[in-house]
Every structure is written in C-alpha cells, then in structure tokens.
C-alpha cells in the first residue's frame, strides 16, 4: 500500500490559524514550458496557536487566485493534507513535511 498523504486533525494539530503573508517563490514552485514560466504552487506563511515554535507554511496550487488577507487575519484551509519529500545532501537523508490545501479562506 502506498502512502500518498496524511489528513491532519486540524484542530488538534494546528488549532487556530492566522495569515502571515506570502512566501517568495522557491525550489519547485515554478516550471518552464519552452519560453514560458508558470507557477506550480504558491506558498503562504501561517501562524498557529498550537504550533508556536515555528511558522506554518502551506502550499496551494498555482492556479488558485493569489491570497491577500490582512496580517494576522483568521483563516481556514480547504481540504488540508500533509506530504513528505525526501532528499539527500552529501549522502545524508533529509525530509520535508509539506502542508497542502486546495484553498485558504477566511475563518
């Protein structure tokens, strides 16, 4: 059986979420199609009252309209899921846990 993603219990895992702002495009966020570059995913920073040590970063599809909420405005995620991407650096294995959502809406 292949594990494609995990659906988190949002209330227990993240609690209340507030909008922090967009994250600059980075590795894996864009793709090239000949001369054209298009956005594959947009990433946003969120703040959690449960996960206080680190900011939460959520990825939504590039086809979703860009979000422009007020700073610290309460938000909810539509269809959240967590995936894992593994990579190696100098022969050592690392993994990134990525929170995905179909959309971000006002809470």
C-alpha atoms as a PDB file:
ATOM      1  CA  UNK A   1       0.000   0.000   0.000  1.00  0.00           C
ATOM      2  CA  UNK A   2       1.358   3.408  -0.999  1.00  0.00           C
ATOM      3  CA  UNK A   3       1.042   6.323   1.425  1.00  0.00           C
ATOM      4  CA  UNK A   4       0.287   9.411  -0.668  1.00  0.00           C
ATOM      5  CA  UNK A   5      -0.617  11.859   2.115  1.00  0.00           C
ATOM      6  CA  UNK A   6      -1.930  12.207   5.664  1.00  0.00           C
ATOM      7  CA  UNK A   7      -5.051  14.190   6.531  1.00  0.00           C
ATOM      8  CA  UNK A   8      -4.342  16.047   9.793  1.00  0.00           C
ATOM      9  CA  UNK A   9      -6.827  16.726  12.564  1.00  0.00           C
ATOM     10  CA  UNK A  10      -6.608  20.487  12.055  1.00  0.00           C
ATOM     11  CA  UNK A  11      -7.983  21.457  15.468  1.00  0.00           C
ATOM     12  CA  UNK A  12      -5.557  19.271  17.431  1.00  0.00           C
ATOM     13  CA  UNK A  13      -2.534  19.701  15.134  1.00  0.00           C
ATOM     14  CA  UNK A  14      -2.695  23.413  14.292  1.00  0.00           C
ATOM     15  CA  UNK A  15      -5.535  24.932  16.336  1.00  0.00           C
ATOM     16  CA  UNK A  16      -6.480  28.407  15.126  1.00  0.00           C
ATOM     17  CA  UNK A  17      -4.578  29.677  12.085  1.00  0.00           C
ATOM     18  CA  UNK A  18      -3.792  33.288  11.205  1.00  0.00           C
ATOM     19  CA  UNK A  19      -2.459  34.624   7.912  1.00  0.00           C
ATOM     20  CA  UNK A  20       1.181  35.704   7.883  1.00  0.00           C
ATOM     21  CA  UNK A  21       1.733  36.515   4.211  1.00  0.00           C
ATOM     22  CA  UNK A  22       3.132  35.040   1.008  1.00  0.00           C
ATOM     23  CA  UNK A  23       6.465  33.223   0.832  1.00  0.00           C
ATOM     24  CA  UNK A  24       8.834  34.060  -2.035  1.00  0.00           C
ATOM     25  CA  UNK A  25       8.822  31.572  -4.872  1.00  0.00           C
ATOM     26  CA  UNK A  26      11.481  28.929  -4.369  1.00  0.00           C
ATOM     27  CA  UNK A  27      12.566  25.416  -5.302  1.00  0.00           C
ATOM     28  CA  UNK A  28       9.763  23.536  -7.040  1.00  0.00           C
ATOM     29  CA  UNK A  29       7.319  26.464  -7.120  1.00  0.00           C
ATOM     30  CA  UNK A  30       7.711  27.220 -10.844  1.00  0.00           C
ATOM     31  CA  UNK A  31       8.150  25.208 -14.041  1.00  0.00           C
ATOM     32  CA  UNK A  32       9.252  26.097 -17.555  1.00  0.00           C
ATOM     33  CA  UNK A  33       7.346  25.179 -20.689  1.00  0.00           C
ATOM     34  CA  UNK A  34       9.587  26.261 -23.546  1.00  0.00           C
ATOM     35  CA  UNK A  35       9.929  30.044 -23.207  1.00  0.00           C
ATOM     36  CA  UNK A  36       7.118  30.355 -20.645  1.00  0.00           C
ATOM     37  CA  UNK A  37       7.465  30.006 -16.879  1.00  0.00           C
ATOM     38  CA  UNK A  38       4.364  29.229 -14.868  1.00  0.00           C
ATOM     39  CA  UNK A  39       3.619  28.927 -11.157  1.00  0.00           C
ATOM     40  CA  UNK A  40       3.016  25.373  -9.969  1.00  0.00           C
ATOM     41  CA  UNK A  41       2.285  26.280  -6.349  1.00  0.00           C
ATOM     42  CA  UNK A  42       2.077  29.332  -4.116  1.00  0.00           C
ATOM     43  CA  UNK A  43       3.234  29.159  -0.518  1.00  0.00           C
ATOM     44  CA  UNK A  44       1.944  31.175   2.417  1.00  0.00           C
ATOM     45  CA  UNK A  45       3.092  31.622   5.995  1.00  0.00           C
ATOM     46  CA  UNK A  46       0.518  30.948   8.710  1.00  0.00           C
ATOM     47  CA  UNK A  47       0.658  31.310  12.480  1.00  0.00           C
ATOM     48  CA  UNK A  48      -0.752  28.637  14.803  1.00  0.00           C
ATOM     49  CA  UNK A  49      -1.772  28.887  18.450  1.00  0.00           C
ATOM     50  CA  UNK A  50      -0.774  25.203  18.884  1.00  0.00           C
ATOM     51  CA  UNK A  51       2.463  25.008  16.831  1.00  0.00           C
ATOM     52  CA  UNK A  52       4.106  28.047  18.412  1.00  0.00           C
ATOM     53  CA  UNK A  53       7.767  27.193  17.851  1.00  0.00           C
ATOM     54  CA  UNK A  54       7.679  27.554  14.057  1.00  0.00           C
ATOM     55  CA  UNK A  55       5.551  29.288  11.480  1.00  0.00           C
ATOM     56  CA  UNK A  56       3.390  27.010   9.363  1.00  0.00           C
ATOM     57  CA  UNK A  57       3.934  27.045   5.614  1.00  0.00           C
ATOM     58  CA  UNK A  58       1.072  25.915   3.380  1.00  0.00           C
ATOM     59  CA  UNK A  59       1.229  25.242  -0.371  1.00  0.00           C
ATOM     60  CA  UNK A  60      -1.745  25.804  -2.683  1.00  0.00           C
ATOM     61  CA  UNK A  61      -1.950  25.150  -6.425  1.00  0.00           C
ATOM     62  CA  UNK A  62      -0.617  27.908  -8.657  1.00  0.00           C
ATOM     63  CA  UNK A  63      -3.989  28.020 -10.429  1.00  0.00           C
ATOM     64  CA  UNK A  64      -5.665  29.277  -7.228  1.00  0.00           C
ATOM     65  CA  UNK A  65      -6.072  33.050  -7.097  1.00  0.00           C
ATOM     66  CA  UNK A  66      -3.329  34.791  -5.100  1.00  0.00           C
ATOM     67  CA  UNK A  67      -4.359  35.443  -1.484  1.00  0.00           C
ATOM     68  CA  UNK A  68      -4.289  38.924   0.040  1.00  0.00           C
ATOM     69  CA  UNK A  69      -5.656  38.631   3.575  1.00  0.00           C
ATOM     70  CA  UNK A  70      -4.864  41.121   6.320  1.00  0.00           C
ATOM     71  CA  UNK A  71      -1.869  40.273   8.519  1.00  0.00           C
ATOM     72  CA  UNK A  72      -2.963  38.010  11.421  1.00  0.00           C
ATOM     73  CA  UNK A  73      -6.460  37.571   9.938  1.00  0.00           C
ATOM     74  CA  UNK A  74      -8.007  34.213  10.980  1.00  0.00           C
ATOM     75  CA  UNK A  75      -8.072  31.695   8.099  1.00  0.00           C
ATOM     76  CA  UNK A  76      -9.083  28.094   7.412  1.00  0.00           C
ATOM     77  CA  UNK A  77      -7.643  25.571   4.971  1.00  0.00           C
ATOM     78  CA  UNK A  78      -9.811  23.756   2.439  1.00  0.00           C
ATOM     79  CA  UNK A  79      -9.015  20.028   2.128  1.00  0.00           C
ATOM     80  CA  UNK A  80      -5.674  20.079   4.044  1.00  0.00           C
ATOM     81  CA  UNK A  81      -3.200  17.207   3.690  1.00  0.00           C
ATOM     82  CA  UNK A  82       0.447  16.589   4.553  1.00  0.00           C
ATOM     83  CA  UNK A  83       3.005  15.019   2.215  1.00  0.00           C
ATOM     84  CA  UNK A  84       6.673  14.161   2.694  1.00  0.00           C
ATOM     85  CA  UNK A  85       9.502  14.897   0.241  1.00  0.00           C
ATOM     86  CA  UNK A  86      12.870  13.259   0.802  1.00  0.00           C
ATOM     87  CA  UNK A  87      16.250  14.436  -0.455  1.00  0.00           C
ATOM     88  CA  UNK A  88      19.948  13.788   0.128  1.00  0.00           C
ATOM     89  CA  UNK A  89      22.795  16.178   0.919  1.00  0.00           C
ATOM     90  CA  UNK A  90      26.332  14.758   0.991  1.00  0.00           C
ATOM     91  CA  UNK A  91      24.998  11.238   1.409  1.00  0.00           C
ATOM     92  CA  UNK A  92      22.706  12.109   4.326  1.00  0.00           C
ATOM     93  CA  UNK A  93      18.931  11.756   4.077  1.00  0.00           C
ATOM     94  CA  UNK A  94      16.539  14.561   4.976  1.00  0.00           C
ATOM     95  CA  UNK A  95      12.787  15.034   4.657  1.00  0.00           C
ATOM     96  CA  UNK A  96      10.407  17.981   4.395  1.00  0.00           C
ATOM     97  CA  UNK A  97       6.828  17.706   5.639  1.00  0.00           C
ATOM     98  CA  UNK A  98       4.651  19.835   3.362  1.00  0.00           C
ATOM     99  CA  UNK A  99       1.168  21.058   4.255  1.00  0.00           C
ATOM    100  CA  UNK A 100      -1.014  21.345   1.125  1.00  0.00           C
ATOM    101  CA  UNK A 101      -4.515  22.789   0.783  1.00  0.00           C
ATOM    102  CA  UNK A 102      -6.928  23.299  -2.091  1.00  0.00           C
ATOM    103  CA  UNK A 103      -7.555  26.869  -0.914  1.00  0.00           C
ATOM    104  CA  UNK A 104      -7.262  29.287   2.003  1.00  0.00           C
ATOM    105  CA  UNK A 105     -10.442  31.069   3.133  1.00  0.00           C
ATOM    106  CA  UNK A 106     -11.422  33.486   5.908  1.00  0.00           C
ATOM    107  CA  UNK A 107     -12.350  31.729   9.146  1.00  0.00           C
END
